[in-house]
Amino acid sequence: MATTHTANAMQDYDAITQLIQHYIEGAKSGIGSDMKPAFHNDATIYGYVGDDLFAGPIQGLYDWNDANGPAKDIVTRIVSMDIVGTVASVRLESDNWTGHRFTDFFNLLKVDGQWKVMNKVFHLHA
């Protein structure tokens, strides 16, 4: 039984890693819709850009990404992933996103057998 659990955990880890890759590829392309497969339709985003709260539906991220343009030199790394049953959290570090450095925390839910990001909170480093 422990082997099956480990196999499932590895499958979930791989599936979530692939899911986050959609987000990264969208950053690289500068096309917001390239990120969409990673997110649930009702996902939200929250974080500060300077003193201003960036908050609301995930479409705001897609729109920002479209306006920001391609981040061809972005460097990313998943630094932590925690999976418990049908929920997970991921911390992603991104550097040189068109000159910006971000720390992202993604909360995920396994919906109908598919992992989806339900919420993204971020920190934009000064």
N, C-alpha and C. Protein backbone atom coordinates (compact mmCIF):
# COMPACT_ATOMS: atom_id res chain seq x y z
N MET A 1 0.82 -1.20 0.00
CA MET A 1 0.00 0.00 0.00
C MET A 1 0.86 1.26 0.00
N ALA A 2 1.97 1.26 0.70
CA ALA A 2 2.85 2.43 0.73
C ALA A 2 3.40 2.73 -0.65
N THR A 3 3.67 1.71 -1.44
CA THR A 3 4.21 1.91 -2.79
C THR A 3 3.19 2.62 -3.67
N THR A 4 1.92 2.21 -3.58
CA THR A 4 0.87 2.86 -4.36
C THR A 4 0.76 4.32 -3.99
N HIS A 5 0.79 4.60 -2.68
CA HIS A 5 0.71 5.99 -2.23
C HIS A 5 1.87 6.80 -2.79
N THR A 6 3.07 6.24 -2.74
CA THR A 6 4.24 6.93 -3.26
C THR A 6 4.11 7.16 -4.76
N ALA A 7 3.65 6.14 -5.48
CA ALA A 7 3.46 6.28 -6.92
C ALA A 7 2.45 7.38 -7.23
N ASN A 8 1.34 7.41 -6.47
CA ASN A 8 0.35 8.46 -6.69
C ASN A 8 0.93 9.83 -6.38
N ALA A 9 1.70 9.92 -5.29
CA ALA A 9 2.31 11.20 -4.93
C ALA A 9 3.25 11.66 -6.03
N MET A 10 4.02 10.74 -6.61
CA MET A 10 4.93 11.11 -7.69
C MET A 10 4.17 11.54 -8.93
N GLN A 11 3.07 10.86 -9.23
CA GLN A 11 2.23 11.26 -10.36
C GLN A 11 1.66 12.65 -10.15
N ASP A 12 1.21 12.93 -8.93
CA ASP A 12 0.68 14.26 -8.62
C ASP A 12 1.78 15.31 -8.72
N TYR A 13 2.96 14.99 -8.19
CA TYR A 13 4.09 15.93 -8.26
C TYR A 13 4.40 16.25 -9.72
N ASP A 14 4.48 15.23 -10.56
CA ASP A 14 4.77 15.44 -11.98
C ASP A 14 3.66 16.24 -12.67
N ALA A 15 2.41 15.93 -12.35
CA ALA A 15 1.28 16.64 -12.96
C ALA A 15 1.28 18.12 -12.57
N ILE A 16 1.56 18.39 -11.31
CA ILE A 16 1.59 19.79 -10.84
C ILE A 16 2.78 20.53 -11.46
N THR A 17 3.92 19.86 -11.56
CA THR A 17 5.08 20.49 -12.20
C THR A 17 4.76 20.86 -13.64
N GLN A 18 4.09 19.95 -14.36
CA GLN A 18 3.69 20.24 -15.75
C GLN A 18 2.68 21.37 -15.81
N LEU A 19 1.77 21.41 -14.84
CA LEU A 19 0.77 22.47 -14.79
C LEU A 19 1.44 23.84 -14.61
N ILE A 20 2.37 23.93 -13.68
CA ILE A 20 3.07 25.19 -13.43
C ILE A 20 3.89 25.59 -14.67
N GLN A 21 4.31 24.61 -15.45
CA GLN A 21 5.06 24.92 -16.67
C GLN A 21 4.22 25.75 -17.65
N HIS A 22 2.89 25.57 -17.66
CA HIS A 22 2.02 26.41 -18.49
C HIS A 22 2.17 27.89 -18.10
N TYR A 23 2.21 28.13 -16.81
CA TYR A 23 2.39 29.49 -16.29
C TYR A 23 3.73 30.05 -16.76
N ILE A 24 4.79 29.25 -16.62
CA ILE A 24 6.14 29.69 -17.00
C ILE A 24 6.21 29.95 -18.51
N GLU A 25 5.63 29.06 -19.30
CA GLU A 25 5.66 29.25 -20.76
C GLU A 25 4.87 30.49 -21.16
N GLY A 26 3.78 30.78 -20.45
CA GLY A 26 3.04 32.01 -20.70
C GLY A 26 3.86 33.25 -20.40
N ALA A 27 4.66 33.19 -19.34
CA ALA A 27 5.55 34.30 -19.01
C ALA A 27 6.57 34.48 -20.14
N LYS A 28 7.14 33.39 -20.60
CA LYS A 28 8.15 33.46 -21.66
C LYS A 28 7.58 34.02 -22.96
N SER A 29 6.36 33.59 -23.30
CA SER A 29 5.74 34.04 -24.56
C SER A 29 5.16 35.44 -24.46
N GLY A 30 4.80 35.86 -23.24
CA GLY A 30 4.13 37.14 -23.07
C GLY A 30 2.68 37.09 -23.51
N ILE A 31 2.13 35.88 -23.62
CA ILE A 31 0.75 35.70 -24.06
C ILE A 31 -0.05 35.12 -22.89
N GLY A 32 -0.95 35.92 -22.36
CA GLY A 32 -1.71 35.53 -21.18
C GLY A 32 -2.48 34.24 -21.36
N SER A 33 -3.04 34.02 -22.54
CA SER A 33 -3.84 32.80 -22.74
C SER A 33 -2.99 31.53 -22.68
N ASP A 34 -1.66 31.65 -22.86
CA ASP A 34 -0.79 30.48 -22.73
C ASP A 34 -0.76 29.98 -21.29
N MET A 35 -1.11 30.85 -20.33
CA MET A 35 -1.12 30.48 -18.92
C MET A 35 -2.43 29.80 -18.51
N LYS A 36 -3.48 30.03 -19.25
CA LYS A 36 -4.82 29.60 -18.85
C LYS A 36 -4.95 28.13 -18.45
N PRO A 37 -4.26 27.20 -19.12
CA PRO A 37 -4.44 25.79 -18.73
C PRO A 37 -4.03 25.50 -17.28
N ALA A 38 -3.24 26.37 -16.68
CA ALA A 38 -2.81 26.15 -15.30
C ALA A 38 -3.88 26.54 -14.29
N PHE A 39 -4.79 27.40 -14.67
CA PHE A 39 -5.71 28.02 -13.71
C PHE A 39 -7.15 27.56 -13.89
N HIS A 40 -7.84 27.45 -12.77
CA HIS A 40 -9.29 27.23 -12.77
C HIS A 40 -9.93 28.51 -13.31
N ASN A 41 -11.07 28.39 -13.96
CA ASN A 41 -11.75 29.57 -14.51
C ASN A 41 -12.09 30.61 -13.45
N ASP A 42 -12.30 30.17 -12.21
CA ASP A 42 -12.66 31.08 -11.13
C ASP A 42 -11.48 31.47 -10.24
N ALA A 43 -10.25 31.21 -10.72
CA ALA A 43 -9.06 31.51 -9.93
C ALA A 43 -8.93 33.01 -9.66
N THR A 44 -8.18 33.31 -8.60
CA THR A 44 -7.95 34.71 -8.22
C THR A 44 -6.46 34.96 -8.05
N ILE A 45 -6.10 36.26 -8.01
CA ILE A 45 -4.72 36.68 -7.84
C ILE A 45 -4.68 37.84 -6.85
N TYR A 46 -3.66 37.83 -5.99
CA TYR A 46 -3.48 38.91 -5.02
C TYR A 46 -2.00 39.16 -4.79
N GLY A 47 -1.65 40.42 -4.67
CA GLY A 47 -0.28 40.81 -4.34
C GLY A 47 -0.15 42.32 -4.48
N TYR A 48 0.99 42.83 -4.08
CA TYR A 48 1.23 44.26 -4.16
C TYR A 48 2.22 44.59 -5.27
N VAL A 49 1.90 45.64 -6.01
CA VAL A 49 2.81 46.23 -6.98
C VAL A 49 3.09 47.62 -6.42
N GLY A 50 4.24 47.76 -5.75
CA GLY A 50 4.50 48.98 -4.99
C GLY A 50 3.52 49.03 -3.83
N ASP A 51 2.82 50.15 -3.71
CA ASP A 51 1.83 50.31 -2.65
C ASP A 51 0.43 49.88 -3.09
N ASP A 52 0.29 49.51 -4.35
CA ASP A 52 -1.02 49.21 -4.91
C ASP A 52 -1.32 47.71 -4.85
N LEU A 53 -2.50 47.38 -4.33
CA LEU A 53 -2.96 46.00 -4.28
C LEU A 53 -3.43 45.58 -5.67
N PHE A 54 -2.85 44.51 -6.17
CA PHE A 54 -3.26 43.89 -7.43
C PHE A 54 -4.13 42.72 -7.02
N ALA A 55 -5.44 42.81 -7.25
CA ALA A 55 -6.34 41.81 -6.70
C ALA A 55 -7.54 41.59 -7.60
N GLY A 56 -7.98 40.32 -7.65
CA GLY A 56 -9.20 40.03 -8.37
C GLY A 56 -9.13 38.76 -9.17
N PRO A 57 -10.00 38.65 -10.17
CA PRO A 57 -10.02 37.46 -11.03
C PRO A 57 -8.68 37.27 -11.76
N ILE A 58 -8.36 36.03 -12.08
CA ILE A 58 -7.08 35.71 -12.70
C ILE A 58 -6.92 36.36 -14.08
N GLN A 59 -7.99 36.79 -14.68
CA GLN A 59 -7.90 37.50 -15.97
C GLN A 59 -6.97 38.70 -15.86
N GLY A 60 -6.89 39.29 -14.67
CA GLY A 60 -5.97 40.41 -14.46
C GLY A 60 -4.52 40.03 -14.72
N LEU A 61 -4.15 38.81 -14.37
CA LEU A 61 -2.80 38.31 -14.65
C LEU A 61 -2.61 38.17 -16.15
N TYR A 62 -3.58 37.58 -16.83
CA TYR A 62 -3.46 37.40 -18.27
C TYR A 62 -3.30 38.75 -18.97
N ASP A 63 -4.10 39.72 -18.55
CA ASP A 63 -4.04 41.06 -19.15
C ASP A 63 -2.69 41.72 -18.89
N TRP A 64 -2.19 41.60 -17.65
CA TRP A 64 -0.88 42.16 -17.31
C TRP A 64 0.21 41.50 -18.16
N ASN A 65 0.14 40.20 -18.29
CA ASN A 65 1.14 39.47 -19.06
C ASN A 65 1.13 39.89 -20.53
N ASP A 66 -0.06 40.07 -21.10
CA ASP A 66 -0.17 40.54 -22.48
C ASP A 66 0.48 41.92 -22.64
N ALA A 67 0.23 42.81 -21.69
CA ALA A 67 0.78 44.18 -21.76
C ALA A 67 2.28 44.19 -21.47
N ASN A 68 2.74 43.30 -20.60
CA ASN A 68 4.15 43.26 -20.18
C ASN A 68 5.06 42.73 -21.28
N GLY A 69 4.56 41.80 -22.07
CA GLY A 69 5.34 41.23 -23.16
C GLY A 69 6.17 40.02 -22.74
N PRO A 70 6.88 39.43 -23.70
CA PRO A 70 7.64 38.21 -23.46
C PRO A 70 8.76 38.39 -22.44
N ALA A 71 8.93 37.38 -21.59
CA ALA A 71 10.02 37.34 -20.62
C ALA A 71 10.96 36.21 -21.05
N LYS A 72 11.63 36.43 -22.17
CA LYS A 72 12.44 35.36 -22.79
C LYS A 72 13.60 34.92 -21.91
N ASP A 73 14.09 35.79 -21.02
CA ASP A 73 15.24 35.46 -20.18
C ASP A 73 14.85 35.10 -18.74
N ILE A 74 13.58 34.81 -18.52
CA ILE A 74 13.12 34.47 -17.17
C ILE A 74 13.81 33.18 -16.68
N VAL A 75 14.13 33.17 -15.40
CA VAL A 75 14.68 31.99 -14.74
C VAL A 75 13.72 31.63 -13.62
N THR A 76 13.25 30.39 -13.61
CA THR A 76 12.26 29.98 -12.60
C THR A 76 12.71 28.71 -11.90
N ARG A 77 12.19 28.55 -10.69
CA ARG A 77 12.46 27.32 -9.94
C ARG A 77 11.32 27.08 -8.96
N ILE A 78 10.78 25.86 -8.98
CA ILE A 78 9.85 25.44 -7.94
C ILE A 78 10.71 25.12 -6.73
N VAL A 79 10.53 25.87 -5.64
CA VAL A 79 11.35 25.66 -4.46
C VAL A 79 10.65 24.84 -3.38
N SER A 80 9.33 24.72 -3.50
CA SER A 80 8.62 23.83 -2.58
C SER A 80 7.28 23.43 -3.18
N MET A 81 6.86 22.22 -2.78
CA MET A 81 5.55 21.71 -3.19
C MET A 81 5.05 20.84 -2.05
N ASP A 82 3.82 21.07 -1.66
CA ASP A 82 3.21 20.30 -0.59
C ASP A 82 1.89 19.76 -1.10
N ILE A 83 1.72 18.45 -1.08
CA ILE A 83 0.51 17.82 -1.60
C ILE A 83 -0.13 17.00 -0.48
N VAL A 84 -1.43 17.24 -0.26
CA VAL A 84 -2.19 16.47 0.70
C VAL A 84 -3.52 16.11 0.04
N GLY A 85 -3.65 14.86 -0.38
CA GLY A 85 -4.89 14.41 -1.00
C GLY A 85 -5.22 15.22 -2.25
N THR A 86 -6.28 16.02 -2.17
CA THR A 86 -6.74 16.77 -3.34
C THR A 86 -6.37 18.26 -3.28
N VAL A 87 -5.48 18.63 -2.36
CA VAL A 87 -5.02 20.01 -2.27
C VAL A 87 -3.50 20.04 -2.33
N ALA A 88 -2.98 21.16 -2.82
CA ALA A 88 -1.53 21.31 -2.91
C ALA A 88 -1.18 22.78 -2.87
N SER A 89 0.07 23.05 -2.51
CA SER A 89 0.60 24.40 -2.59
C SER A 89 1.98 24.33 -3.23
N VAL A 90 2.29 25.35 -4.00
CA VAL A 90 3.56 25.43 -4.72
C VAL A 90 4.14 26.82 -4.50
N ARG A 91 5.45 26.87 -4.23
CA ARG A 91 6.17 28.14 -4.19
C ARG A 91 7.10 28.16 -5.39
N LEU A 92 6.97 29.22 -6.19
CA LEU A 92 7.78 29.39 -7.38
C LEU A 92 8.55 30.70 -7.29
N GLU A 93 9.85 30.62 -7.52
CA GLU A 93 10.69 31.82 -7.61
C GLU A 93 10.94 32.12 -9.08
N SER A 94 10.74 33.36 -9.47
CA SER A 94 10.98 33.79 -10.85
C SER A 94 11.86 35.02 -10.83
N ASP A 95 12.94 34.96 -11.59
CA ASP A 95 13.87 36.08 -11.68
C ASP A 95 13.99 36.51 -13.13
N ASN A 96 14.18 37.80 -13.31
CA ASN A 96 14.32 38.41 -14.63
C ASN A 96 13.07 38.24 -15.48
N TRP A 97 11.92 38.43 -14.85
CA TRP A 97 10.66 38.48 -15.60
C TRP A 97 10.57 39.91 -16.11
N THR A 98 11.16 40.15 -17.26
CA THR A 98 11.33 41.50 -17.84
C THR A 98 11.83 42.48 -16.77
N GLY A 99 12.85 42.04 -16.06
CA GLY A 99 13.48 42.89 -15.05
C GLY A 99 12.91 42.78 -13.66
N HIS A 100 11.87 42.00 -13.48
CA HIS A 100 11.21 41.85 -12.18
C HIS A 100 11.59 40.52 -11.54
N ARG A 101 11.54 40.48 -10.21
CA ARG A 101 11.70 39.23 -9.47
C ARG A 101 10.44 39.02 -8.65
N PHE A 102 9.87 37.82 -8.77
CA PHE A 102 8.63 37.47 -8.07
C PHE A 102 8.80 36.21 -7.23
N THR A 103 8.11 36.17 -6.11
CA THR A 103 7.87 34.94 -5.38
C THR A 103 6.36 34.71 -5.46
N ASP A 104 5.99 33.55 -5.99
CA ASP A 104 4.58 33.19 -6.16
C ASP A 104 4.23 32.02 -5.26
N PHE A 105 3.06 32.09 -4.66
CA PHE A 105 2.49 30.97 -3.94
C PHE A 105 1.19 30.59 -4.64
N PHE A 106 1.10 29.35 -5.08
CA PHE A 106 -0.08 28.85 -5.77
C PHE A 106 -0.79 27.86 -4.87
N ASN A 107 -2.10 28.00 -4.73
CA ASN A 107 -2.93 27.01 -4.05
C ASN A 107 -3.71 26.25 -5.11
N LEU A 108 -3.59 24.93 -5.07
CA LEU A 108 -4.18 24.09 -6.10
C LEU A 108 -5.22 23.15 -5.51
N LEU A 109 -6.16 22.75 -6.37
CA LEU A 109 -7.19 21.79 -6.02
C LEU A 109 -7.30 20.79 -7.16
N LYS A 110 -7.46 19.53 -6.83
CA LYS A 110 -7.67 18.51 -7.85
C LYS A 110 -9.16 18.46 -8.14
N VAL A 111 -9.54 18.96 -9.30
CA VAL A 111 -10.94 19.08 -9.69
C VAL A 111 -11.20 18.07 -10.81
N ASP A 112 -12.12 17.14 -10.57
CA ASP A 112 -12.43 16.11 -11.57
C ASP A 112 -11.17 15.41 -12.08
N GLY A 113 -10.25 15.12 -11.14
CA GLY A 113 -9.04 14.41 -11.48
C GLY A 113 -7.93 15.25 -12.08
N GLN A 114 -8.15 16.55 -12.23
CA GLN A 114 -7.16 17.45 -12.83
C GLN A 114 -6.75 18.52 -11.83
N TRP A 115 -5.45 18.74 -11.69
CA TRP A 115 -4.96 19.82 -10.83
C TRP A 115 -5.18 21.16 -11.50
N LYS A 116 -5.64 22.13 -10.72
CA LYS A 116 -5.84 23.50 -11.21
C LYS A 116 -5.42 24.48 -10.11
N VAL A 117 -4.81 25.57 -10.51
CA VAL A 117 -4.50 26.65 -9.57
C VAL A 117 -5.80 27.38 -9.29
N MET A 118 -6.13 27.49 -8.00
CA MET A 118 -7.34 28.19 -7.58
C MET A 118 -7.03 29.63 -7.16
N ASN A 119 -5.79 29.84 -6.69
CA ASN A 119 -5.40 31.15 -6.18
C ASN A 119 -3.90 31.32 -6.31
N LYS A 120 -3.51 32.52 -6.70
CA LYS A 120 -2.10 32.90 -6.73
C LYS A 120 -1.92 34.14 -5.88
N VAL A 121 -0.98 34.10 -4.95
CA VAL A 121 -0.56 35.30 -4.24
C VAL A 121 0.92 35.49 -4.56
N PHE A 122 1.32 36.74 -4.68
CA PHE A 122 2.69 36.99 -5.09
C PHE A 122 3.33 38.12 -4.31
N HIS A 123 4.65 38.09 -4.31
CA HIS A 123 5.45 39.19 -3.77
C HIS A 123 6.37 39.66 -4.88
N LEU A 124 6.28 40.94 -5.20
CA LEU A 124 7.17 41.57 -6.18
C LEU A 124 8.33 42.17 -5.40
N HIS A 125 9.53 41.64 -5.62
CA HIS A 125 10.70 42.12 -4.90
C HIS A 125 11.12 43.49 -5.43
N ALA A 126 11.60 44.32 -4.51
CA ALA A 126 12.01 45.68 -4.89
C ALA A 126 13.30 45.65 -5.69
